[in-house]
C-alpha atoms as a PDB file:
ATOM      1  CA  MET A   1     -12.947   1.548  15.220  1.00  0.00           C
ATOM      2  CA  ASP A   2     -10.737   4.552  14.454  1.00  0.00           C
ATOM      3  CA  VAL A   3      -7.771   3.531  12.285  1.00  0.00           C
ATOM      4  CA  VAL A   4      -4.924   6.038  11.896  1.00  0.00           C
ATOM      5  CA  VAL A   5      -2.518   5.422   9.009  1.00  0.00           C
ATOM      6  CA  THR A   6       0.882   7.075   8.794  1.00  0.00           C
ATOM      7  CA  ASN A   7       3.865   6.756   6.521  1.00  0.00           C
ATOM      8  CA  ALA A   8       7.039   5.713   8.355  1.00  0.00           C
ATOM      9  CA  PRO A   9       9.627   6.379   5.625  1.00  0.00           C
ATOM     10  CA  GLU A  10      12.573   5.524   7.882  1.00  0.00           C
ATOM     11  CA  ALA A  11      11.120   2.000   8.191  1.00  0.00           C
ATOM     12  CA  LYS A  12       9.868   1.989   4.569  1.00  0.00           C
ATOM     13  CA  ARG A  13       6.332   1.121   5.564  1.00  0.00           C
ATOM     14  CA  TYR A  14       2.891   2.500   6.202  1.00  0.00           C
ATOM     15  CA  GLU A  15       1.539   1.767   9.657  1.00  0.00           C
ATOM     16  CA  ALA A  16      -2.059   1.447  10.810  1.00  0.00           C
ATOM     17  CA  ARG A  17      -2.765   2.057  14.478  1.00  0.00           C
ATOM     18  CA  VAL A  18      -5.925   1.526  16.491  1.00  0.00           C
ATOM     19  CA  ASP A  19      -6.071   3.413  19.790  1.00  0.00           C
ATOM     20  CA  GLY A  20      -2.315   3.934  19.463  1.00  0.00           C
ATOM     21  CA  ALA A  21      -1.557   0.224  19.093  1.00  0.00           C
ATOM     22  CA  LEU A  22       0.160  -1.013  15.940  1.00  0.00           C
ATOM     23  CA  ALA A  23      -2.452  -3.012  14.022  1.00  0.00           C
ATOM     24  CA  ALA A  24      -1.014  -3.488  10.513  1.00  0.00           C
ATOM     25  CA  VAL A  25       1.907  -2.591   8.259  1.00  0.00           C
ATOM     26  CA  ALA A  26       2.459  -2.314   4.513  1.00  0.00           C
ATOM     27  CA  ASP A  27       6.137  -2.566   3.596  1.00  0.00           C
ATOM     28  CA  TYR A  28       7.376  -0.817   0.473  1.00  0.00           C
ATOM     29  CA  ILE A  29      10.415  -0.006  -1.616  1.00  0.00           C
ATOM     30  CA  PRO A  30      10.433   3.601  -2.856  1.00  0.00           C
ATOM     31  CA  THR A  31      11.908   4.777  -6.145  1.00  0.00           C
ATOM     32  CA  ASP A  32      11.822   8.101  -7.959  1.00  0.00           C
ATOM     33  CA  GLU A  33       8.770   7.132 -10.002  1.00  0.00           C
ATOM     34  CA  LEU A  34       6.945   4.445  -8.045  1.00  0.00           C
ATOM     35  CA  VAL A  35       6.314   2.735  -4.730  1.00  0.00           C
ATOM     36  CA  ALA A  36       6.634  -1.058  -4.777  1.00  0.00           C
ATOM     37  CA  PHE A  37       4.455  -2.621  -2.080  1.00  0.00           C
ATOM     38  CA  THR A  38       6.136  -5.871  -1.059  1.00  0.00           C
ATOM     39  CA  HIS A  39       4.310  -7.145   2.024  1.00  0.00           C
ATOM     40  CA  THR A  40       1.233  -6.324   4.077  1.00  0.00           C
ATOM     41  CA  GLU A  41       0.564  -7.788   7.499  1.00  0.00           C
ATOM     42  CA  VAL A  42      -2.355  -7.343   9.868  1.00  0.00           C
ATOM     43  CA  LEU A  43      -1.587  -8.329  13.450  1.00  0.00           C
ATOM     44  CA  PRO A  44      -3.754 -11.241  14.665  1.00  0.00           C
ATOM     45  CA  ALA A  45      -5.822  -9.180  17.141  1.00  0.00           C
ATOM     46  CA  PHE A  46      -6.990  -6.944  14.256  1.00  0.00           C
ATOM     47  CA  GLU A  47      -7.610  -9.512  11.516  1.00  0.00           C
ATOM     48  CA  GLY A  48     -11.035  -9.483   9.897  1.00  0.00           C
ATOM     49  CA  LYS A  49     -11.877  -5.968  11.084  1.00  0.00           C
ATOM     50  CA  GLY A  50     -11.087  -4.034   7.908  1.00  0.00           C
ATOM     51  CA  VAL A  51      -7.815  -2.590   9.177  1.00  0.00           C
ATOM     52  CA  GLY A  52      -5.857  -3.930   6.200  1.00  0.00           C
ATOM     53  CA  SER A  53      -8.267  -2.329   3.754  1.00  0.00           C
ATOM     54  CA  VAL A  54      -8.041   1.051   5.484  1.00  0.00           C
ATOM     55  CA  LEU A  55      -4.251   0.769   5.500  1.00  0.00           C
ATOM     56  CA  VAL A  56      -4.015   0.023   1.777  1.00  0.00           C
ATOM     57  CA  ARG A  57      -6.569   2.672   0.774  1.00  0.00           C
ATOM     58  CA  GLU A  58      -4.822   5.412   2.731  1.00  0.00           C
ATOM     59  CA  ALA A  59      -1.361   4.314   1.574  1.00  0.00           C
ATOM     60  CA  LEU A  60      -2.501   4.400  -2.052  1.00  0.00           C
ATOM     61  CA  ASP A  61      -4.137   7.778  -1.514  1.00  0.00           C
ATOM     62  CA  ASP A  62      -0.788   9.057  -0.242  1.00  0.00           C
ATOM     63  CA  VAL A  63       1.027   7.634  -3.275  1.00  0.00           C
ATOM     64  CA  ARG A  64      -1.534   9.340  -5.536  1.00  0.00           C
ATOM     65  CA  ARG A  65      -0.989  12.697  -3.782  1.00  0.00           C
ATOM     66  CA  ARG A  66       2.733  12.332  -4.424  1.00  0.00           C
ATOM     67  CA  GLU A  67       2.007  11.609  -8.099  1.00  0.00           C
ATOM     68  CA  LEU A  68       3.811   8.269  -8.092  1.00  0.00           C
ATOM     69  CA  ALA A  69       2.837   4.885  -9.510  1.00  0.00           C
ATOM     70  CA  VAL A  70       2.296   1.643  -7.594  1.00  0.00           C
ATOM     71  CA  LEU A  71       3.933  -1.712  -8.206  1.00  0.00           C
ATOM     72  CA  ALA A  72       1.740  -4.168  -6.304  1.00  0.00           C
ATOM     73  CA  VAL A  73       4.080  -7.076  -5.583  1.00  0.00           C
ATOM     74  CA  CYS A  74       2.186  -7.882  -2.382  1.00  0.00           C
ATOM     75  CA  PRO A  75      -0.831 -10.153  -3.070  1.00  0.00           C
ATOM     76  CA  PHE A  76      -2.975  -8.247  -0.550  1.00  0.00           C
ATOM     77  CA  VAL A  77      -2.344  -4.890  -2.253  1.00  0.00           C
ATOM     78  CA  SER A  78      -2.766  -6.410  -5.711  1.00  0.00           C
ATOM     79  CA  GLY A  79      -6.076  -8.047  -4.760  1.00  0.00           C
ATOM     80  CA  TRP A  80      -7.315  -4.871  -3.117  1.00  0.00           C
ATOM     81  CA  VAL A  81      -6.638  -2.841  -6.264  1.00  0.00           C
ATOM     82  CA  GLN A  82      -8.414  -5.476  -8.378  1.00  0.00           C
ATOM     83  CA  ARG A  83     -11.518  -5.060  -6.187  1.00  0.00           C
ATOM     84  CA  HIS A  84     -11.333  -1.239  -6.296  1.00  0.00           C
ATOM     85  CA  ALA A  85     -11.134  -0.244  -9.954  1.00  0.00           C
ATOM     86  CA  ASP A  86     -10.867   3.455  -9.114  1.00  0.00           C
ATOM     87  CA  TYR A  87      -7.281   2.760  -7.972  1.00  0.00           C
ATOM     88  CA  ALA A  88      -6.199   0.814 -11.076  1.00  0.00           C
ATOM     89  CA  ASP A  89      -4.816   3.996 -12.664  1.00  0.00           C
ATOM     90  CA  LEU A  90      -2.048   3.971 -10.037  1.00  0.00           C
ATOM     91  CA  LEU A  91      -0.587   0.679 -11.242  1.00  0.00           C
ATOM     92  CA  TYR A  92       2.831   0.979 -12.821  1.00  0.00           C
ATOM     93  CA  ARG A  93       3.057   0.377 -16.537  1.00  0.00           C
ATOM     94  CA  SER A  94       6.315   0.138 -18.413  1.00  0.00           C
ATOM     95  CA  ARG A  95       6.999   3.187 -20.544  1.00  0.00           C
ATOM     96  CA  THR A  96       8.661   1.125 -23.284  1.00  0.00           C
ATOM     97  CA  GLY A  97       6.185  -1.750 -23.429  1.00  0.00           C
ATOM     98  CA  THR A  98       9.033  -4.174 -24.175  1.00  0.00           C
ATOM     99  CA  VAL A  99      11.810  -5.767 -22.188  1.00  0.00           C
ATOM    100  CA  ARG A 100      15.320  -5.946 -23.638  1.00  0.00           C
ATOM    101  CA  ASP A 101      18.684  -7.228 -22.481  1.00  0.00           C
END
């Protein structure tokens, strides 16, 4: 199965297509220093076929190329990064290390 992933910045999401058909999306909120992934959804016809994994990998590769960090709010993205340690360096870490009012 050939999965094509593209960034659709006007919709604030990455899209995965199979044979031109929308198969999955990863919604995000962009900032100057990071991309916060908020929700990932694989359409029912494509579940269990690895489309979600391809989508997340290629989205994270794009974020890396742009030299941004990732805030993995979405459980799917967070779990994927936990299973792929070579992407852990993308995770956002506070520069201050403390939170203040």
